[in-house]
Amino acid sequence: MRVLIIGAGNAGRQLAFRLCEEKHSVVMIDTDPNALAAAETKLDILTVCGPGSSPRVLDEARVEKCHLVIAVTDCDEVNILACLYANAAGVPRKVARVASPEYIHSDDTFDLTAMGVDLVINQKQECAREIFHSLKMPAAIEAFDLFAGKVMVAGFRIAQTSPLVGTTPAACKRLELIQKVRMIAILRDNELIIPRGDTHFQANDLVYLVGKRNAISAFSEWICPSFQPIQKVVIAGGGDLGLMLAKKIEDSVECVLLEQNEERARICSAQLQKTLVLRADALTESALEETGVTKGTAFVALTGDDENNIMNCLMAKKQGINFTVTQIARTDYVPIIGTLNLVNRVVSPYISTTHAILHYLRSQKVRAASLLHNLPGELLDIVITKESKYCGEMIKEIKLPRSAIIATVMRGTDVVPATGDLKLVPTDRLLIFSRHDTVKKIQSTFLK
C-alpha cells in the first residue's frame, strides 16, 4: 500500500516507522527540510519538501497514486485541505488530525466526513479516552472498550502475592471468575505467550483478558486486591484535555479541577456541571490539601509542561495519593518514566494518535479493533459474511496459527463465548488476538 504522510513531527514519524515495519511504501511531506532529512536517515521513505496543502507539492508526491493520505501537521487547516485535495484526486482513504474541538463537533452542514475526510481525529480526545479507561480500571496497565462498550480488553501485572501465581487457568481456584473472561496473552520477560489450559502463571507476568466489564472488574479485584476503585479524581490543568476528561468523569466520580489561570478557570467552571473548579497551582502542597484528598483519590496531571506534570504526580504521592496519571508530550520520556515507576500511568498524545490512526488501516472485512501498547500484537475484528468459507462452520474448524487466539464473538448485540462448537453465521464478528507477523495471514484466511 502506498501511504502519503503529511507532517514529519512526532506523530508523523511514529506512523512512518510502523508502516515501514509492515512493508508499506511511505512518502512524507513537510516544510522543514531538516525534519525530512532526519526521517530519511532512519526510515526507508521518499520525502517531498513543501506545504502539504499545496496542489503542486501533492502532485510532486504523486497523491493520485496513494491508497491512504494521513495529514498530521500542527495546522488543522493544512490537514483538512490536504485531505480534501486528496479526495478530489481519488485517494480511497483520508485521515486528518485536528486540534480544535470545533472541527469534531460541527453540525451536519460542515461535517468533515461528509466532505470527504474519512477519519477526523483529535489527539486530546484520544488521550482523554485513554485516561478515562485507566481511571475506570486502575489495576489495569491498559484497558479499553470494544463493540460499543459490550466488551472490555484489559492487561494486569501479576504481583508476587497474587493468588494466580503458580496456578494454571484449568486449576484456578475461582473458576466462576475465570470462566467469564478469556485470557488472550501473557507477556513474560518480553516473550509473548498464548495461554492454554496448562500454562502456569508467574509473578510479574502481564496478563491480558477479554470479557464484559463487570466480569473483568470482579476478576481484577481478586488478582489485584491492593488496587481500590477510584472514588475521587483531582485534575491538574484546565486546558482542552483537562476539560474533556472532567466532562467524561464528573457524572461517575467526584471531580476537582485545578487551574492556575483565572480566565481559564472561569471557562472551565461554566462548562462543567458537577466538577469543583479551584484556581490554584497544583505544585503547592496547600492546593492538594484544599481538594480534600481521601482514600481512593486519583491524581491526573495535564498541564502543558512535561516536567511540571511529573513533579505534580510526585507531590500527589507525597500527599498520600496512590494512583497517578500524567500526559507526556516528549515520547522519549515515556519509557524512562515507566522504568523508574515515577507515575502509575503515562499517556502521550502522539502515541494515542498513532494508535487510533493505525486502528483504521484494515479493510472492511478485516478491521483492526485495537493495537495494544504493551503487547507485540493486534486485536482483529473479523466480520463473517455469507461468502466467507467459515460461514456455517464451527470455531474449532478454523485453522489459526498458534500465535493467534479467538477472544470472543459478537452476534448482533450479544457477546457469545468463543467455544469450539459455536457455529458461525453471517454478520458474526470475531475478535482475534494475533502477533503482528501473522496478521496478514489471518487477513488472507478470512478474505478468501
Protein backbone atom coordinates (compact mmCIF):
# COMPACT_ATOMS: atom_id res chain seq x y z
CA MET A 1 0.00 0.00 0.00
CA ARG A 2 1.28 3.47 -0.90
CA VAL A 3 0.79 5.90 2.01
CA LEU A 4 1.32 9.65 2.00
CA ILE A 5 2.06 11.18 5.42
CA ILE A 6 1.87 14.97 5.67
CA GLY A 7 3.83 16.17 8.69
CA ALA A 8 7.23 14.95 9.93
CA GLY A 9 6.60 15.63 13.62
CA ASN A 10 6.31 13.04 16.40
CA ALA A 11 3.05 11.56 15.13
CA GLY A 12 4.18 11.50 11.51
CA ARG A 13 7.50 9.81 12.33
CA GLN A 14 5.84 7.19 14.55
CA LEU A 15 3.31 6.39 11.85
CA ALA A 16 6.02 6.16 9.20
CA PHE A 17 8.10 3.84 11.40
CA ARG A 18 5.19 1.48 11.96
CA LEU A 19 4.07 1.49 8.33
CA CYS A 20 7.61 0.79 7.13
CA GLU A 21 7.73 -2.13 9.57
CA GLU A 22 4.66 -3.51 7.80
CA LYS A 23 6.41 -3.09 4.42
CA HIS A 24 4.19 -0.30 3.11
CA SER A 25 5.54 2.29 0.68
CA VAL A 26 5.67 5.63 2.51
CA VAL A 27 6.03 9.17 1.16
CA MET A 28 6.39 12.05 3.65
CA ILE A 29 5.74 15.78 3.12
CA ASP A 30 6.91 18.58 5.41
CA THR A 31 8.03 22.20 5.15
CA ASP A 32 11.13 21.54 7.29
CA PRO A 33 13.95 20.00 5.22
CA ASN A 34 15.89 19.11 8.37
CA ALA A 35 12.98 17.09 9.77
CA LEU A 36 12.66 15.24 6.45
CA ALA A 37 16.41 14.55 6.34
CA ALA A 38 16.30 13.15 9.88
CA ALA A 39 13.38 10.90 8.94
CA GLU A 40 15.15 9.68 5.79
CA THR A 41 18.23 8.61 7.75
CA LYS A 42 16.15 6.29 9.95
CA LEU A 43 13.41 5.13 7.58
CA ASP A 44 13.12 3.77 4.07
CA ILE A 45 10.84 6.53 2.76
CA LEU A 46 10.57 9.13 0.00
CA THR A 47 10.27 12.79 1.00
CA VAL A 48 8.94 15.98 -0.59
CA CYS A 49 9.65 19.39 0.93
CA GLY A 50 6.83 21.92 0.92
CA PRO A 51 3.38 22.69 2.37
CA GLY A 52 1.06 19.68 2.42
CA SER A 53 -1.89 21.79 1.31
CA SER A 54 -0.16 22.85 -1.90
CA PRO A 55 -1.52 21.19 -5.08
CA ARG A 56 1.96 21.46 -6.61
CA VAL A 57 3.58 19.62 -3.68
CA LEU A 58 0.83 16.98 -3.65
CA ASP A 59 1.33 16.45 -7.37
CA GLU A 60 5.07 16.04 -6.79
CA ALA A 61 4.29 13.40 -4.16
CA ARG A 62 2.00 11.70 -6.73
CA VAL A 63 -1.00 11.84 -4.43
CA GLU A 64 -3.21 10.24 -7.10
CA LYS A 65 -1.20 7.02 -6.75
CA CYS A 66 -1.72 6.81 -2.97
CA HIS A 67 -4.14 4.45 -1.23
CA LEU A 68 -4.11 6.41 2.02
CA VAL A 69 -3.30 10.02 3.00
CA ILE A 70 -2.62 10.87 6.64
CA ALA A 71 -2.31 14.58 7.47
CA VAL A 72 -0.81 15.18 10.94
CA THR A 73 0.80 18.63 10.77
CA ASP A 74 0.33 21.16 13.58
CA CYS A 75 -2.11 23.18 11.43
CA ASP A 76 -5.72 21.96 11.28
CA GLU A 77 -6.46 23.86 8.10
CA VAL A 78 -3.49 22.33 6.26
CA ASN A 79 -4.55 18.83 7.34
CA ILE A 80 -8.15 19.33 6.26
CA LEU A 81 -7.32 20.99 2.93
CA ALA A 82 -4.75 18.29 2.11
CA CYS A 83 -7.38 15.60 2.68
CA LEU A 84 -9.95 17.45 0.56
CA TYR A 85 -7.42 17.71 -2.30
CA ALA A 86 -6.62 14.01 -1.85
CA ASN A 87 -10.34 13.21 -2.03
CA ALA A 88 -10.61 15.16 -5.29
CA ALA A 89 -7.60 13.19 -6.60
CA GLY A 90 -9.45 9.93 -5.93
CA VAL A 91 -7.50 8.70 -2.88
CA PRO A 92 -9.66 5.97 -1.24
CA ARG A 93 -8.94 6.87 2.42
CA LYS A 94 -8.05 10.17 4.06
CA VAL A 95 -7.20 10.85 7.72
CA ALA A 96 -6.86 14.34 9.25
CA ARG A 97 -5.66 15.19 12.73
CA VAL A 98 -7.30 18.31 14.16
CA ALA A 99 -6.67 20.14 17.42
CA SER A 100 -9.72 22.40 17.53
CA PRO A 101 -12.85 20.80 19.03
CA GLU A 102 -14.88 22.89 16.56
CA TYR A 103 -13.93 20.53 13.74
CA ILE A 104 -15.02 17.50 15.77
CA HIS A 105 -18.38 18.80 16.97
CA SER A 106 -19.54 20.79 13.94
CA ASP A 107 -23.10 20.34 12.67
CA ASP A 108 -24.13 18.32 9.61
CA THR A 109 -23.61 21.29 7.28
CA PHE A 110 -19.85 21.30 7.92
CA ASP A 111 -19.32 17.62 8.75
CA LEU A 112 -15.81 16.85 7.51
CA THR A 113 -16.58 13.17 6.98
CA ALA A 114 -19.43 14.14 4.64
CA MET A 115 -17.00 16.42 2.80
CA GLY A 116 -14.59 13.58 2.06
CA VAL A 117 -12.36 13.16 5.13
CA ASP A 118 -12.83 9.54 6.19
CA LEU A 119 -11.38 9.86 9.71
CA VAL A 120 -11.11 13.06 11.74
CA ILE A 121 -9.06 12.52 14.87
CA ASN A 122 -8.39 14.81 17.83
CA GLN A 123 -5.35 13.71 19.84
CA LYS A 124 -6.63 15.28 23.05
CA GLN A 125 -9.88 13.39 22.68
CA GLU A 126 -7.89 10.16 22.26
CA CYS A 127 -5.83 10.94 25.37
CA ALA A 128 -8.97 11.73 27.38
CA ARG A 129 -10.46 8.39 26.34
CA GLU A 130 -7.31 6.53 27.37
CA ILE A 131 -7.13 8.25 30.77
CA PHE A 132 -10.83 7.64 31.35
CA HIS A 133 -10.32 3.88 30.96
CA SER A 134 -7.30 3.99 33.30
CA LEU A 135 -9.42 5.59 36.00
CA LYS A 136 -12.26 3.11 35.48
CA MET A 137 -9.87 0.15 35.83
CA PRO A 138 -6.91 1.37 37.97
CA ALA A 139 -5.43 -2.09 38.46
CA ALA A 140 -5.03 -2.47 34.70
CA ILE A 141 -1.86 -1.48 32.91
CA GLU A 142 -4.06 -0.88 29.87
CA ALA A 143 -7.83 -1.03 29.38
CA PHE A 144 -10.32 -0.07 26.69
CA ASP A 145 -13.81 -0.91 25.41
CA LEU A 146 -14.75 -2.58 22.13
CA PHE A 147 -18.02 -3.30 20.34
CA ALA A 148 -19.75 -0.15 21.64
CA GLY A 149 -18.81 -0.92 25.24
CA LYS A 150 -20.07 -4.50 25.20
CA VAL A 151 -16.57 -5.96 25.56
CA MET A 152 -13.54 -4.79 27.54
CA VAL A 153 -9.87 -5.59 27.00
CA ALA A 154 -7.54 -5.17 29.99
CA GLY A 155 -3.97 -6.07 30.91
CA PHE A 156 -2.87 -6.76 34.51
CA ARG A 157 0.56 -7.15 36.09
CA ILE A 158 0.62 -10.23 38.35
CA ALA A 159 2.21 -9.41 41.71
CA GLN A 160 4.16 -11.92 43.81
CA THR A 161 1.24 -12.06 46.27
CA SER A 162 -1.41 -12.64 43.58
CA PRO A 163 -3.46 -15.86 44.00
CA LEU A 164 -2.74 -16.63 40.32
CA VAL A 165 0.99 -17.21 40.86
CA GLY A 166 1.93 -20.87 40.39
CA THR A 167 -1.52 -21.91 39.12
CA THR A 168 -2.90 -22.65 35.66
CA PRO A 169 -6.19 -21.50 34.09
CA ALA A 170 -7.53 -25.06 34.43
CA ALA A 171 -6.56 -25.28 38.12
CA CYS A 172 -7.64 -21.76 39.11
CA LYS A 173 -9.44 -21.69 42.49
CA ARG A 174 -12.01 -19.16 41.28
CA LEU A 175 -13.34 -20.96 38.21
CA GLU A 176 -16.58 -18.98 38.38
CA LEU A 177 -14.49 -15.84 37.64
CA ILE A 178 -12.08 -17.25 35.08
CA GLN A 179 -14.86 -18.86 33.06
CA LYS A 180 -16.43 -15.45 32.43
CA VAL A 181 -13.31 -13.96 30.84
CA ARG A 182 -10.92 -15.05 28.10
CA MET A 183 -7.16 -14.89 28.64
CA ILE A 184 -5.66 -13.96 25.29
CA ALA A 185 -1.99 -13.31 26.03
CA ILE A 186 0.80 -13.32 28.59
CA LEU A 187 3.93 -11.20 28.26
CA ARG A 188 6.80 -12.70 30.27
CA ASP A 189 10.31 -11.23 30.04
CA ASN A 190 9.39 -9.68 26.66
CA GLU A 191 8.24 -13.08 25.37
CA LEU A 192 4.66 -13.38 24.12
CA ILE A 193 2.80 -16.50 25.30
CA ILE A 194 -0.66 -17.51 24.07
CA PRO A 195 -2.11 -19.14 27.23
CA ARG A 196 -3.54 -22.66 27.21
CA GLY A 197 -5.21 -24.63 29.98
CA ASP A 198 -1.87 -25.87 31.34
CA THR A 199 0.03 -22.56 31.20
CA HIS A 200 1.48 -21.66 34.61
CA PHE A 201 1.27 -18.04 35.79
CA GLN A 202 4.39 -16.44 37.22
CA ALA A 203 5.00 -13.31 39.27
CA ASN A 204 5.43 -10.18 37.11
CA ASP A 205 3.53 -11.72 34.17
CA LEU A 206 1.49 -9.21 32.17
CA VAL A 207 -1.83 -10.98 31.55
CA TYR A 208 -4.45 -9.71 29.07
CA LEU A 209 -8.15 -10.53 29.42
CA VAL A 210 -11.22 -10.02 27.23
CA GLY A 211 -14.77 -10.06 28.57
CA LYS A 212 -17.65 -7.98 29.85
CA ARG A 213 -16.64 -5.05 32.06
CA ASN A 214 -18.29 -6.40 35.23
CA ALA A 215 -16.60 -9.79 34.79
CA ILE A 216 -13.16 -8.22 34.33
CA SER A 217 -13.75 -5.89 37.29
CA ALA A 218 -14.58 -8.84 39.54
CA PHE A 219 -11.55 -10.77 38.28
CA SER A 220 -9.20 -7.79 38.82
CA GLU A 221 -10.40 -7.31 42.40
CA TRP A 222 -9.41 -10.91 43.10
CA ILE A 223 -5.98 -10.90 41.41
CA CYS A 224 -5.04 -7.30 42.36
CA PRO A 225 -6.61 -6.72 45.80
CA SER A 226 -4.25 -3.81 46.60
CA PHE A 227 -5.97 -1.58 43.99
CA GLN A 228 -9.13 0.10 45.21
CA PRO A 229 -11.84 1.61 42.96
CA ILE A 230 -11.34 5.31 42.23
CA GLN A 231 -13.86 7.45 44.13
CA LYS A 232 -12.41 10.91 43.52
CA VAL A 233 -10.25 12.46 40.78
CA VAL A 234 -8.10 15.59 41.06
CA ILE A 235 -7.11 17.04 37.66
CA ALA A 236 -4.20 19.50 37.44
CA GLY A 237 -4.61 21.65 34.34
CA GLY A 238 -7.76 23.10 32.84
CA GLY A 239 -6.72 23.10 29.20
CA ASP A 240 -8.72 21.35 26.48
CA LEU A 241 -7.61 17.89 27.65
CA GLY A 242 -8.33 18.54 31.32
CA LEU A 243 -11.75 19.93 30.45
CA MET A 244 -12.56 16.97 28.18
CA LEU A 245 -11.60 14.49 30.91
CA ALA A 246 -13.61 16.30 33.59
CA LYS A 247 -16.70 16.23 31.34
CA LYS A 248 -16.25 12.49 30.84
CA ILE A 249 -15.90 11.54 34.51
CA GLU A 250 -17.89 14.08 36.52
CA ASP A 251 -21.10 12.06 36.33
CA SER A 252 -19.48 8.91 37.73
CA VAL A 253 -16.97 10.13 40.38
CA GLU A 254 -16.30 13.21 42.46
CA CYS A 255 -14.05 15.53 40.43
CA VAL A 256 -11.86 18.54 41.30
CA LEU A 257 -10.10 20.63 38.63
CA LEU A 258 -7.09 22.82 39.49
CA GLU A 259 -6.35 25.67 37.06
CA GLN A 260 -3.89 28.48 37.75
CA ASN A 261 -5.18 30.95 35.15
CA GLU A 262 -8.22 32.89 36.39
CA GLU A 263 -9.88 33.35 32.98
CA ARG A 264 -9.41 29.70 32.02
CA ALA A 265 -10.77 28.60 35.41
CA ARG A 266 -13.94 30.62 34.71
CA ILE A 267 -14.34 28.97 31.30
CA CYS A 268 -13.99 25.50 32.82
CA SER A 269 -16.42 26.30 35.61
CA ALA A 270 -19.03 27.49 33.10
CA GLN A 271 -18.81 24.25 31.07
CA LEU A 272 -18.74 21.75 33.96
CA GLN A 273 -21.84 20.79 35.89
CA LYS A 274 -20.60 18.78 38.89
CA THR A 275 -16.84 19.43 38.99
CA LEU A 276 -15.36 21.72 41.63
CA VAL A 277 -13.00 24.16 39.86
CA LEU A 278 -10.30 25.74 42.02
CA ARG A 279 -7.91 28.48 40.91
CA ALA A 280 -4.65 27.08 42.28
CA ASP A 281 -1.17 25.83 41.42
CA ALA A 282 -1.06 22.05 41.83
CA LEU A 283 2.66 22.21 42.73
CA THR A 284 1.82 23.79 46.09
CA GLU A 285 1.00 21.49 48.99
CA SER A 286 -1.85 23.74 50.10
CA ALA A 287 -3.65 23.24 46.77
CA LEU A 288 -3.80 19.47 47.16
CA GLU A 289 -4.81 19.80 50.81
CA GLU A 290 -7.65 22.10 49.72
CA THR A 291 -9.03 19.43 47.38
CA GLY A 292 -9.69 17.12 50.32
CA VAL A 293 -7.54 14.11 49.42
CA THR A 294 -9.15 10.91 50.71
CA LYS A 295 -8.67 7.18 50.28
CA GLY A 296 -9.48 6.21 46.71
CA THR A 297 -8.35 9.56 45.23
CA ALA A 298 -6.55 9.62 41.86
CA PHE A 299 -4.42 12.49 40.58
CA VAL A 300 -4.15 13.37 36.87
CA ALA A 301 -1.50 15.87 35.71
CA LEU A 302 -2.46 17.55 32.41
CA THR A 303 -0.57 20.85 32.36
CA GLY A 304 1.31 21.86 29.23
CA ASP A 305 4.71 21.12 30.77
CA ASP A 306 6.13 17.57 30.98
CA GLU A 307 8.46 18.31 33.90
CA ASN A 308 5.69 20.04 35.86
CA ASN A 309 3.40 17.07 35.23
CA ILE A 310 5.97 14.66 36.67
CA MET A 311 6.59 16.92 39.69
CA ASN A 312 2.83 17.28 40.21
CA CYS A 313 2.50 13.49 40.41
CA LEU A 314 5.41 13.19 42.85
CA MET A 315 3.80 15.88 45.04
CA ALA A 316 0.50 13.99 44.90
CA LYS A 317 2.20 10.78 46.03
CA LYS A 318 3.79 12.72 48.90
CA GLN A 319 0.26 13.79 49.93
CA GLY A 320 -0.83 10.14 50.11
CA ILE A 321 -2.39 9.66 46.65
CA ASN A 322 -1.60 6.15 45.43
CA PHE A 323 -2.77 6.37 41.81
CA THR A 324 -1.32 8.99 39.45
CA VAL A 325 -1.66 9.59 35.71
CA THR A 326 0.20 12.09 33.55
CA GLN A 327 0.36 13.30 29.98
CA ILE A 328 3.86 13.43 28.49
CA ALA A 329 4.41 15.14 25.14
CA ARG A 330 8.02 14.01 24.68
CA THR A 331 7.82 10.38 23.56
CA ASP A 332 11.43 9.69 24.63
CA TYR A 333 10.40 10.41 28.25
CA VAL A 334 7.71 7.71 28.28
CA PRO A 335 9.88 4.55 28.69
CA ILE A 336 12.12 6.31 31.25
CA ILE A 337 9.17 7.28 33.44
CA GLY A 338 7.82 3.74 33.17
CA THR A 339 11.15 2.19 34.15
CA LEU A 340 11.57 4.47 37.18
CA ASN A 341 7.95 3.91 38.30
CA LEU A 342 7.52 7.64 38.87
CA VAL A 343 3.87 7.57 37.74
CA ASN A 344 1.28 4.78 37.61
CA ARG A 345 0.09 5.56 34.07
CA VAL A 346 1.59 7.68 31.29
CA VAL A 347 -0.26 8.83 28.17
CA SER A 348 1.26 10.52 25.16
CA PRO A 349 -0.86 12.50 22.69
CA TYR A 350 1.33 11.36 19.81
CA ILE A 351 1.25 7.69 20.77
CA SER A 352 -2.52 7.85 21.32
CA THR A 353 -2.97 9.47 17.91
CA THR A 354 -0.70 6.93 16.22
CA HIS A 355 -2.62 4.02 17.68
CA ALA A 356 -6.01 5.49 16.78
CA ILE A 357 -4.93 6.02 13.15
CA LEU A 358 -3.37 2.57 12.85
CA HIS A 359 -6.64 1.05 14.03
CA TYR A 360 -8.23 2.43 10.90
CA LEU A 361 -5.90 0.86 8.37
CA ARG A 362 -7.59 -2.50 7.84
CA SER A 363 -10.18 -3.35 5.21
CA GLN A 364 -13.92 -3.51 5.81
CA LYS A 365 -13.95 -7.29 6.22
CA VAL A 366 -10.89 -7.46 8.47
CA ARG A 367 -10.68 -4.43 10.72
CA ALA A 368 -8.10 -3.78 13.41
CA ALA A 369 -10.18 -3.27 16.53
CA SER A 370 -7.22 -2.08 18.52
CA LEU A 371 -3.50 -2.17 18.98
CA LEU A 372 -2.06 -2.98 22.38
CA HIS A 373 0.54 -0.63 23.86
CA ASN A 374 2.40 -3.34 25.76
CA LEU A 375 1.98 -6.47 23.64
CA PRO A 376 3.57 -7.29 20.27
CA GLY A 377 0.23 -7.99 18.63
CA GLU A 378 -3.13 -6.71 17.45
CA LEU A 379 -6.79 -7.37 18.08
CA LEU A 380 -8.58 -8.01 14.80
CA ASP A 381 -12.30 -7.50 14.31
CA ILE A 382 -13.26 -10.14 11.74
CA VAL A 383 -16.68 -9.89 10.08
CA ILE A 384 -18.18 -13.17 8.83
CA THR A 385 -20.04 -12.68 5.54
CA LYS A 386 -22.29 -15.05 3.59
CA GLU A 387 -19.42 -15.59 1.17
CA SER A 388 -16.92 -16.46 3.91
CA LYS A 389 -15.61 -20.02 3.75
CA TYR A 390 -16.16 -20.26 7.52
CA CYS A 391 -19.83 -19.24 7.40
CA GLY A 392 -21.79 -22.20 8.83
CA GLU A 393 -18.62 -23.80 10.23
CA MET A 394 -17.75 -24.34 13.89
CA ILE A 395 -14.98 -22.32 15.53
CA LYS A 396 -12.87 -25.44 16.13
CA GLU A 397 -12.67 -25.90 12.33
CA ILE A 398 -10.93 -22.53 11.81
CA LYS A 399 -7.23 -23.06 11.09
CA LEU A 400 -5.44 -20.30 13.01
CA PRO A 401 -1.70 -20.03 13.70
CA ARG A 402 -0.66 -20.96 17.26
CA SER A 403 0.29 -17.31 17.74
CA ALA A 404 -3.38 -16.29 17.41
CA ILE A 405 -6.47 -16.90 19.54
CA ILE A 406 -10.20 -16.13 19.19
CA ALA A 407 -11.14 -13.97 22.16
CA THR A 408 -14.89 -13.60 21.77
CA VAL A 409 -17.76 -13.42 19.26
CA MET A 410 -20.25 -10.58 18.87
CA ARG A 411 -23.59 -11.78 17.47
CA GLY A 412 -25.98 -8.90 16.99
CA THR A 413 -25.93 -7.12 20.35
CA ASP A 414 -24.94 -10.23 22.32
CA VAL A 415 -21.47 -11.29 23.43
CA VAL A 416 -21.14 -15.03 22.76
CA PRO A 417 -18.35 -17.20 24.28
CA ALA A 418 -15.94 -18.44 21.60
CA THR A 419 -16.40 -22.16 22.30
CA GLY A 420 -15.22 -24.76 19.81
CA ASP A 421 -18.74 -25.94 18.98
CA LEU A 422 -20.11 -22.47 18.21
CA LYS A 423 -21.35 -22.38 14.59
CA LEU A 424 -20.67 -19.09 12.79
CA VAL A 425 -23.43 -17.23 10.98
CA PRO A 426 -23.39 -14.16 8.70
CA THR A 427 -22.64 -10.83 10.44
CA ASP A 428 -20.88 -12.57 13.37
CA ARG A 429 -17.86 -10.56 14.47
CA LEU A 430 -14.84 -12.45 15.76
CA LEU A 431 -12.33 -10.70 18.00
CA ILE A 432 -8.97 -12.36 17.37
CA PHE A 433 -5.66 -11.60 19.06
CA SER A 434 -2.63 -12.18 16.85
CA ARG A 435 1.07 -11.40 16.72
CA HIS A 436 1.99 -8.68 14.22
CA ASP A 437 3.76 -11.18 11.97
CA THR A 438 0.63 -13.33 11.48
CA VAL A 439 -1.90 -10.53 10.92
CA LYS A 440 -1.65 -10.70 7.13
CA LYS A 441 -2.01 -14.49 7.19
CA ILE A 442 -5.24 -14.18 9.20
CA GLN A 443 -6.47 -11.45 6.84
CA SER A 444 -5.92 -13.68 3.81
CA THR A 445 -7.58 -16.61 5.58
CA PHE A 446 -10.84 -14.75 6.08
CA LEU A 447 -10.79 -12.83 2.82
CA LYS A 448 -10.63 -15.96 0.66
